[in-house]
Structure formats: C-alpha cells, structure tokens
N, C-alpha and C. Protein backbone atom coordinates (compact mmCIF):
# COMPACT_ATOMS: atom_id res chain seq x y z
N MET A 1 12.54 -52.32 -17.78
CA MET A 1 12.95 -50.88 -17.22
C MET A 1 14.47 -50.65 -16.73
N ALA A 2 15.33 -49.73 -17.66
CA ALA A 2 16.87 -49.96 -17.69
C ALA A 2 17.06 -48.88 -16.78
N LYS A 3 18.22 -49.01 -15.90
CA LYS A 3 19.01 -48.47 -14.87
C LYS A 3 20.10 -47.25 -15.35
N ILE A 4 20.32 -46.85 -14.68
CA ILE A 4 21.78 -45.93 -14.96
C ILE A 4 22.71 -46.76 -14.86
N SER A 5 22.83 -47.73 -14.70
CA SER A 5 24.24 -48.26 -14.75
C SER A 5 24.00 -48.90 -15.98
N ASP A 6 22.76 -49.35 -16.61
CA ASP A 6 22.61 -49.92 -18.33
C ASP A 6 22.90 -48.46 -19.11
N VAL A 7 22.82 -47.57 -18.39
CA VAL A 7 22.95 -46.50 -19.52
C VAL A 7 24.62 -46.59 -19.27
N LEU A 8 25.47 -46.03 -18.34
CA LEU A 8 27.11 -45.98 -18.14
C LEU A 8 27.75 -47.06 -18.55
N LYS A 9 26.48 -48.58 -19.00
CA LYS A 9 27.73 -49.37 -19.51
C LYS A 9 27.71 -49.34 -21.40
N GLY A 10 26.48 -48.73 -22.45
CA GLY A 10 26.49 -48.62 -23.22
C GLY A 10 27.60 -47.79 -23.78
N LYS A 11 27.01 -46.43 -22.77
CA LYS A 11 28.22 -44.97 -23.35
C LYS A 11 29.69 -44.71 -22.63
N GLY A 12 29.56 -45.87 -21.62
CA GLY A 12 31.27 -45.33 -20.92
C GLY A 12 31.44 -44.56 -19.47
N ASN A 13 32.10 -44.45 -18.93
CA ASN A 13 32.04 -43.73 -17.72
C ASN A 13 33.08 -42.58 -17.99
N GLN A 14 33.66 -42.28 -18.77
CA GLN A 14 34.61 -40.86 -19.01
C GLN A 14 33.75 -39.80 -18.95
N VAL A 15 33.75 -39.36 -17.99
CA VAL A 15 33.54 -37.90 -16.76
C VAL A 15 34.99 -36.84 -17.35
N TYR A 16 34.07 -35.64 -18.01
CA TYR A 16 35.32 -34.70 -17.64
C TYR A 16 34.98 -33.43 -17.24
N THR A 17 36.29 -33.43 -16.52
CA THR A 17 36.44 -32.35 -14.91
C THR A 17 37.38 -31.41 -15.32
N ILE A 18 36.87 -30.47 -14.26
CA ILE A 18 37.24 -29.38 -14.59
C ILE A 18 37.89 -28.61 -12.34
N ASP A 19 38.91 -28.08 -12.51
CA ASP A 19 38.68 -27.49 -11.03
C ASP A 19 38.13 -26.08 -10.93
N ARG A 20 37.55 -26.16 -9.86
CA ARG A 20 36.89 -24.77 -9.80
C ARG A 20 37.47 -23.45 -10.01
N GLY A 21 39.18 -23.24 -9.81
CA GLY A 21 39.55 -22.46 -9.68
C GLY A 21 39.99 -22.02 -11.42
N ALA A 22 39.88 -23.07 -12.42
CA ALA A 22 40.09 -22.75 -13.41
C ALA A 22 39.76 -21.42 -14.26
N THR A 23 39.86 -21.06 -15.34
CA THR A 23 39.34 -20.39 -16.04
C THR A 23 38.12 -20.87 -16.72
N VAL A 24 36.84 -20.17 -16.93
CA VAL A 24 36.14 -20.17 -17.86
C VAL A 24 36.73 -20.44 -19.21
N TYR A 25 37.57 -20.14 -19.57
CA TYR A 25 38.16 -20.29 -20.98
C TYR A 25 38.60 -21.71 -21.16
N GLU A 26 39.61 -21.65 -20.41
CA GLU A 26 39.88 -23.35 -19.90
C GLU A 26 38.28 -24.19 -20.59
N ALA A 27 37.47 -23.96 -19.26
CA ALA A 27 36.32 -24.89 -19.51
C ALA A 27 35.73 -25.07 -21.01
N ILE A 28 35.76 -23.78 -21.55
CA ILE A 28 34.60 -23.71 -22.97
C ILE A 28 35.97 -24.53 -23.68
N LYS A 29 37.37 -24.53 -24.03
CA LYS A 29 37.73 -24.96 -24.59
C LYS A 29 37.75 -26.23 -24.23
N LEU A 30 37.98 -27.51 -22.84
CA LEU A 30 38.03 -28.38 -22.78
C LEU A 30 36.59 -29.07 -23.47
N MET A 31 35.21 -28.38 -23.30
CA MET A 31 34.00 -28.88 -23.68
C MET A 31 34.36 -28.84 -24.91
N ALA A 32 34.90 -27.84 -25.73
CA ALA A 32 34.95 -27.97 -27.28
C ALA A 32 35.68 -29.41 -27.77
N ASP A 33 36.58 -29.58 -27.34
CA ASP A 33 37.48 -29.90 -27.12
C ASP A 33 36.91 -31.68 -26.94
N GLN A 34 36.76 -32.01 -26.50
CA GLN A 34 35.49 -33.25 -26.15
C GLN A 34 34.55 -33.06 -26.20
N ASN A 35 33.96 -32.05 -26.96
CA ASN A 35 32.77 -32.62 -27.61
C ASN A 35 31.59 -32.66 -26.87
N VAL A 36 31.33 -31.87 -25.80
CA VAL A 36 30.31 -31.84 -24.96
C VAL A 36 29.79 -30.57 -23.85
N GLY A 37 28.79 -30.68 -23.41
CA GLY A 37 28.05 -29.81 -23.15
C GLY A 37 28.08 -29.13 -21.68
N GLY A 38 28.92 -29.81 -21.04
CA GLY A 38 29.09 -29.40 -19.46
C GLY A 38 30.41 -30.28 -19.15
N LEU A 39 30.68 -29.85 -17.91
CA LEU A 39 31.85 -30.31 -17.18
C LEU A 39 31.70 -30.49 -16.01
N VAL A 40 31.99 -31.53 -15.22
CA VAL A 40 31.93 -31.49 -13.72
C VAL A 40 33.12 -30.51 -12.86
N VAL A 41 32.36 -30.49 -11.84
CA VAL A 41 33.61 -29.37 -11.38
C VAL A 41 33.97 -29.45 -10.13
N LEU A 42 35.85 -29.96 -9.72
CA LEU A 42 35.76 -30.61 -8.53
C LEU A 42 36.74 -29.72 -7.91
N ASP A 43 37.00 -29.93 -6.68
CA ASP A 43 37.55 -28.88 -5.42
C ASP A 43 38.32 -30.18 -4.58
N ASN A 44 39.72 -30.44 -4.83
CA ASN A 44 40.82 -31.65 -4.25
C ASN A 44 39.56 -32.32 -4.52
N GLY A 45 39.59 -32.95 -5.75
CA GLY A 45 38.69 -34.43 -6.15
C GLY A 45 37.42 -34.82 -5.84
N GLN A 46 36.78 -33.33 -5.43
CA GLN A 46 35.17 -33.93 -4.17
C GLN A 46 34.68 -32.82 -5.51
N LEU A 47 32.89 -33.55 -5.93
CA LEU A 47 32.36 -32.97 -6.65
C LEU A 47 31.61 -31.21 -6.02
N VAL A 48 31.56 -30.09 -6.94
CA VAL A 48 31.41 -29.22 -5.94
C VAL A 48 30.08 -28.35 -7.29
N GLY A 49 29.93 -28.72 -8.04
CA GLY A 49 29.75 -27.60 -9.39
C GLY A 49 29.19 -28.45 -10.70
N ILE A 50 28.89 -28.06 -11.20
CA ILE A 50 28.64 -28.27 -13.17
C ILE A 50 29.05 -27.43 -13.22
N ILE A 51 29.78 -26.76 -14.70
CA ILE A 51 29.46 -25.55 -15.18
C ILE A 51 29.34 -26.28 -16.98
N THR A 52 27.94 -25.44 -17.71
CA THR A 52 27.77 -26.07 -19.05
C THR A 52 27.55 -24.70 -19.74
N GLU A 53 27.58 -25.25 -20.76
CA GLU A 53 27.45 -24.34 -22.14
C GLU A 53 26.40 -22.72 -21.79
N ARG A 54 25.52 -23.17 -21.64
CA ARG A 54 24.22 -22.40 -20.65
C ARG A 54 24.50 -21.65 -19.81
N ASP A 55 25.70 -22.01 -19.16
CA ASP A 55 26.63 -20.60 -17.97
C ASP A 55 27.00 -20.03 -18.66
N TYR A 56 27.75 -20.45 -19.18
CA TYR A 56 28.74 -19.91 -19.92
C TYR A 56 28.25 -18.10 -20.58
N LEU A 57 27.06 -19.10 -21.66
CA LEU A 57 26.50 -17.51 -22.15
C LEU A 57 25.77 -17.14 -21.45
N ARG A 58 25.26 -17.11 -20.02
CA ARG A 58 24.25 -16.60 -19.26
C ARG A 58 24.79 -15.78 -18.19
N LYS A 59 26.05 -16.16 -18.03
CA LYS A 59 26.99 -15.81 -17.09
C LYS A 59 28.16 -15.24 -17.53
N VAL A 60 28.83 -15.09 -18.26
CA VAL A 60 29.71 -14.90 -18.88
C VAL A 60 29.50 -13.82 -20.36
N ILE A 61 28.73 -13.74 -21.31
CA ILE A 61 28.92 -13.53 -22.52
C ILE A 61 27.63 -12.49 -22.56
N LEU A 62 26.81 -12.85 -21.30
CA LEU A 62 25.38 -11.92 -21.37
C LEU A 62 25.74 -11.22 -20.56
N GLN A 63 26.60 -11.37 -19.91
CA GLN A 63 26.87 -10.16 -18.34
C GLN A 63 28.44 -9.58 -18.74
N GLY A 64 29.13 -9.75 -20.02
CA GLY A 64 29.96 -8.73 -20.56
C GLY A 64 31.21 -9.41 -19.64
N LYS A 65 30.97 -10.70 -18.79
CA LYS A 65 32.68 -10.78 -17.96
C LYS A 65 33.91 -11.31 -19.47
N ALA A 66 34.67 -11.56 -18.84
CA ALA A 66 36.02 -12.22 -19.94
C ALA A 66 35.84 -13.22 -19.57
N SER A 67 36.40 -14.14 -19.93
CA SER A 67 36.31 -15.68 -20.22
C SER A 67 37.67 -16.12 -19.47
N ASN A 68 38.81 -15.49 -20.04
CA ASN A 68 40.52 -15.49 -19.78
C ASN A 68 40.28 -15.35 -18.30
N THR A 69 39.34 -14.25 -17.69
CA THR A 69 39.99 -13.84 -16.05
C THR A 69 38.32 -14.64 -15.26
N THR A 70 37.69 -14.98 -15.74
CA THR A 70 36.67 -15.29 -14.81
C THR A 70 36.93 -16.82 -14.63
N ARG A 71 36.63 -17.11 -13.17
CA ARG A 71 36.79 -18.43 -12.54
C ARG A 71 35.58 -18.94 -13.02
N VAL A 72 35.75 -20.60 -12.80
CA VAL A 72 34.88 -21.65 -13.07
C VAL A 72 33.84 -21.10 -11.49
N ASP A 73 34.50 -21.48 -10.79
CA ASP A 73 33.79 -21.47 -9.44
C ASP A 73 32.58 -20.13 -9.73
N GLU A 74 32.91 -19.14 -10.13
CA GLU A 74 32.33 -17.44 -10.21
C GLU A 74 30.82 -17.95 -11.26
N ILE A 75 30.66 -19.02 -12.15
CA ILE A 75 29.46 -18.86 -12.78
C ILE A 75 29.34 -20.35 -13.02
N MET A 76 29.55 -21.53 -12.37
CA MET A 76 29.41 -22.64 -11.88
C MET A 76 28.37 -23.51 -11.13
N SER A 77 26.63 -23.69 -11.95
CA SER A 77 25.96 -24.25 -10.46
C SER A 77 26.49 -25.38 -9.87
N ASP A 78 26.25 -24.95 -8.00
CA ASP A 78 26.52 -25.41 -7.89
C ASP A 78 25.99 -26.48 -6.27
N LYS A 79 24.16 -26.31 -7.10
CA LYS A 79 23.10 -27.24 -6.37
C LYS A 79 23.02 -28.12 -7.51
N VAL A 80 23.95 -29.32 -7.28
CA VAL A 80 23.97 -30.21 -8.51
C VAL A 80 23.18 -31.44 -8.61
N VAL A 81 22.23 -31.67 -9.00
CA VAL A 81 21.74 -32.82 -8.68
C VAL A 81 22.20 -33.93 -9.51
N VAL A 82 22.30 -34.78 -8.70
CA VAL A 82 23.43 -36.31 -8.51
C VAL A 82 22.15 -37.22 -9.09
N ALA A 83 22.49 -38.65 -9.63
CA ALA A 83 22.01 -40.02 -9.76
C ALA A 83 22.58 -40.93 -9.06
N THR A 84 22.16 -42.13 -8.98
CA THR A 84 22.93 -43.35 -8.89
C THR A 84 22.82 -44.58 -9.77
N PRO A 85 24.10 -45.21 -9.74
CA PRO A 85 23.33 -46.05 -10.75
C PRO A 85 22.12 -47.25 -11.09
N ASP A 86 21.50 -47.04 -9.25
CA ASP A 86 20.92 -47.64 -9.50
C ASP A 86 19.40 -47.10 -9.57
N GLN A 87 19.31 -46.11 -10.00
CA GLN A 87 17.95 -45.30 -10.58
C GLN A 87 17.47 -45.36 -11.66
N SER A 88 16.54 -45.73 -11.97
CA SER A 88 16.05 -46.05 -12.93
C SER A 88 15.87 -44.71 -14.68
N VAL A 89 15.82 -45.05 -15.60
CA VAL A 89 16.05 -43.85 -16.29
C VAL A 89 14.84 -43.33 -16.69
N GLU A 90 13.60 -43.49 -16.34
CA GLU A 90 12.29 -43.06 -15.90
C GLU A 90 12.68 -41.96 -14.78
N GLU A 91 12.50 -42.13 -14.26
CA GLU A 91 13.41 -41.80 -12.62
C GLU A 91 13.77 -40.08 -12.58
N CYS A 92 15.22 -40.71 -13.53
CA CYS A 92 16.34 -39.55 -13.87
C CYS A 92 15.56 -39.15 -14.79
N MET A 93 14.62 -39.20 -16.18
CA MET A 93 14.30 -38.50 -16.44
C MET A 93 13.32 -37.19 -16.10
N ALA A 94 12.56 -37.98 -14.93
CA ALA A 94 11.65 -36.81 -14.71
C ALA A 94 12.39 -35.73 -13.62
N VAL A 95 13.10 -36.47 -12.97
CA VAL A 95 14.08 -35.06 -11.82
C VAL A 95 14.96 -34.33 -12.82
N MET A 96 15.34 -34.61 -14.09
CA MET A 96 15.86 -33.74 -14.99
C MET A 96 14.85 -32.94 -15.33
N ALA A 97 13.57 -33.32 -15.56
CA ALA A 97 12.49 -32.26 -16.22
C ALA A 97 12.57 -31.32 -15.02
N GLU A 98 11.58 -32.07 -13.99
CA GLU A 98 11.23 -31.03 -12.85
C GLU A 98 12.60 -30.08 -12.33
N LYS A 99 14.19 -30.21 -12.31
CA LYS A 99 14.59 -29.52 -12.10
C LYS A 99 15.26 -28.65 -13.46
N ARG A 100 14.78 -28.92 -14.28
CA ARG A 100 15.70 -28.01 -15.43
C ARG A 100 17.12 -28.07 -15.75
N CYS A 101 17.98 -29.66 -15.82
CA CYS A 101 19.03 -29.84 -15.99
C CYS A 101 19.12 -30.78 -17.17
N ARG A 102 20.53 -30.36 -17.69
CA ARG A 102 20.13 -31.38 -19.01
C ARG A 102 21.24 -32.55 -18.87
N HIS A 103 22.77 -32.56 -17.63
CA HIS A 103 23.66 -33.41 -17.05
C HIS A 103 23.23 -34.34 -15.42
N LEU A 104 23.57 -35.31 -15.49
CA LEU A 104 23.48 -35.42 -14.16
C LEU A 104 24.73 -36.36 -13.69
N PRO A 105 25.49 -35.72 -12.64
CA PRO A 105 26.69 -36.60 -12.47
C PRO A 105 26.06 -37.93 -11.97
N VAL A 106 26.81 -39.13 -11.85
CA VAL A 106 26.58 -40.13 -11.38
C VAL A 106 27.38 -40.64 -10.27
N MET A 107 26.61 -41.15 -9.25
CA MET A 107 28.47 -40.57 -7.50
C MET A 107 27.74 -42.33 -7.20
N ASP A 108 28.28 -42.84 -6.81
CA ASP A 108 28.46 -44.27 -6.16
C ASP A 108 28.96 -44.69 -4.65
N GLY A 109 28.50 -43.90 -3.95
CA GLY A 109 28.51 -44.29 -2.85
C GLY A 109 30.32 -43.01 -2.20
N GLY A 110 29.59 -42.12 -2.76
CA GLY A 110 30.00 -40.76 -2.61
C GLY A 110 31.31 -40.89 -3.99
N ARG A 111 31.25 -41.62 -4.87
CA ARG A 111 32.52 -41.76 -6.18
C ARG A 111 31.76 -40.95 -7.25
N LEU A 112 32.03 -40.28 -7.81
CA LEU A 112 32.01 -40.04 -9.01
C LEU A 112 32.14 -41.19 -10.30
N VAL A 113 31.20 -41.85 -10.95
CA VAL A 113 31.67 -42.49 -11.69
C VAL A 113 31.37 -42.85 -13.12
N GLY A 114 30.42 -41.65 -13.31
CA GLY A 114 29.99 -41.50 -14.83
C GLY A 114 29.20 -39.86 -15.07
N VAL A 115 28.76 -39.55 -15.75
CA VAL A 115 27.55 -38.64 -16.39
C VAL A 115 26.41 -39.28 -17.28
N VAL A 116 25.67 -38.40 -17.14
CA VAL A 116 24.65 -39.12 -18.21
C VAL A 116 23.97 -37.78 -18.58
N SER A 117 23.24 -37.53 -20.28
CA SER A 117 22.47 -36.58 -20.28
C SER A 117 21.28 -36.91 -20.93
N ILE A 118 20.76 -35.66 -20.78
CA ILE A 118 19.50 -36.30 -21.18
C ILE A 118 19.14 -36.62 -22.57
N LEU A 119 20.24 -36.50 -23.51
CA LEU A 119 20.36 -37.33 -24.93
C LEU A 119 20.52 -38.78 -24.43
N ASP A 120 21.45 -38.92 -23.30
CA ASP A 120 21.78 -40.27 -23.21
C ASP A 120 20.38 -41.00 -22.76
N LEU A 121 19.32 -40.40 -21.90
CA LEU A 121 18.42 -40.93 -21.31
C LEU A 121 17.53 -41.41 -22.78
N THR A 122 17.06 -39.88 -23.18
CA THR A 122 16.09 -40.30 -24.75
C THR A 122 16.77 -41.51 -25.26
N ARG A 123 17.64 -41.89 -25.55
CA ARG A 123 18.59 -42.89 -26.71
C ARG A 123 17.59 -44.01 -25.68
N GLN A 124 18.42 -44.17 -24.35
CA GLN A 124 17.48 -45.35 -23.76
C GLN A 124 16.37 -45.82 -23.81
N MET A 125 15.93 -44.74 -23.42
CA MET A 125 14.42 -44.90 -23.48
C MET A 125 13.92 -45.38 -24.93
N THR A 126 14.13 -44.46 -26.40
CA THR A 126 13.78 -45.23 -27.58
C THR A 126 14.16 -46.62 -27.85
N LYS A 127 15.62 -47.13 -27.36
CA LYS A 127 15.91 -48.22 -27.75
C LYS A 127 14.85 -49.33 -27.03
N GLU A 128 14.33 -48.81 -25.83
CA GLU A 128 13.74 -49.95 -24.96
C GLU A 128 12.59 -50.28 -26.18
N GLN A 129 11.64 -48.67 -25.93
CA GLN A 129 10.47 -48.26 -27.07
C GLN A 129 10.71 -49.20 -28.24
N GLN A 130 11.81 -49.57 -28.96
CA GLN A 130 11.78 -49.89 -30.08
C GLN A 130 11.74 -51.47 -29.94
N THR A 131 12.08 -52.20 -28.90
CA THR A 131 12.38 -53.58 -28.45
C THR A 131 10.53 -54.23 -28.19
N THR A 132 9.97 -53.49 -27.63
CA THR A 132 8.82 -53.50 -27.07
C THR A 132 8.44 -53.85 -27.77
N ILE A 133 7.78 -52.50 -28.99
CA ILE A 133 7.24 -52.63 -30.27
C ILE A 133 7.19 -54.11 -31.24
N LYS A 134 9.19 -54.13 -31.27
CA LYS A 134 9.26 -55.48 -31.94
C LYS A 134 8.39 -56.59 -31.15
N TYR A 135 8.56 -56.90 -30.38
CA TYR A 135 8.00 -57.82 -29.26
C TYR A 135 6.61 -58.06 -29.54
N LEU A 136 6.00 -56.84 -29.77
CA LEU A 136 4.35 -56.49 -29.99
C LEU A 136 4.10 -57.05 -31.11
N GLN A 137 4.58 -56.68 -32.11
CA GLN A 137 4.23 -56.92 -33.66
C GLN A 137 4.72 -58.13 -34.02
N ASP A 138 5.70 -58.35 -33.27
CA ASP A 138 5.64 -60.62 -33.35
C ASP A 138 4.78 -61.22 -33.04
N TYR A 139 4.08 -60.85 -31.66
CA TYR A 139 2.81 -61.10 -31.25
C TYR A 139 1.47 -61.21 -31.80
N ILE A 140 1.50 -59.85 -31.99
CA ILE A 140 0.03 -60.42 -33.16
C ILE A 140 0.52 -60.86 -34.43
N TYR A 141 1.58 -60.92 -34.96
CA TYR A 141 1.72 -61.97 -35.99
C TYR A 141 1.63 -63.07 -36.04
N GLY A 142 1.56 -63.40 -34.91
CA GLY A 142 1.47 -65.35 -34.53
C GLY A 142 3.11 -65.54 -34.38
N LYS A 143 4.72 -64.94 -34.10
CA LYS A 143 5.77 -65.57 -34.30
C LYS A 143 5.85 -66.05 -33.17
N TYR A 144 4.94 -65.85 -31.92
CA TYR A 144 5.15 -66.56 -30.85
C TYR A 144 4.49 -67.71 -31.06
C-alpha cells in the first residue's frame, strides 16, 4: 500500500504558490504557465487556502467579477484539506471523494512539502494494480 511520500518521490515536490493578496489574473496566468489546476495560497509563508480553476469559473466568471481587480483571498477556498506524507493513497482518495476536492497540499510538521492531485493518486493506484495483476498472472502460469 503506497503512501503519499511515495507519490511525491515519483512526481517531485514542486509546489506552485501565490500570495493571498495577488490578483486572480496573476493566479490564473501562473496556473496556465505551469499547466496546473490549482495553487496553494500563502500569507507570510503560511498555508491559508487554495485557489483552483473551478474557483475562478464559479466565483469570478459566473459572478461577473474582473480578474484584474479581484484578489485571490476573495475567491480562494480557505477550508483546506491537507495530507501528510505517511498517509496512504487509498485514505487520501477517500478524503478527496468525501470532501469533493481535487488537490491536497501535503504538510509535514507544519511545513508544506508538496501537493497531490486526484490524478496523481489514480496513477499510483493504477500502477499498483498493474503490478498485482502481473504477479497473479505469473503465479497462475507457474512462473513461481
């Protein structure tokens, strides 16, 4: 059973962040430039929220707000669900399904060490399942 630390070893610990006082335009531009769907929002280096493309669509575009004048902290999700490196992939997938979120910042002792997405976790589980299938096929065909 893989842990979040295993996922981060495979994908890396790169975390894209933005200050809570930045404009939504700056956040969307950074997401587009880095090809990510969300950013961790910081205030003086501390995690205070997360902003995603979904937040932008629902809280800016659909409400007729201007990206250049709306601040990140006006639309960010401030009830952030986080993971720890020692949590299992399965546990985090269950949390993401229950809380209906697609990104989990990973915190280790109060320090931000990465972000995992539902796609990252799905890839890890698929990899594990493929390995299990291979071992079972080898066993059935007498390779052991």
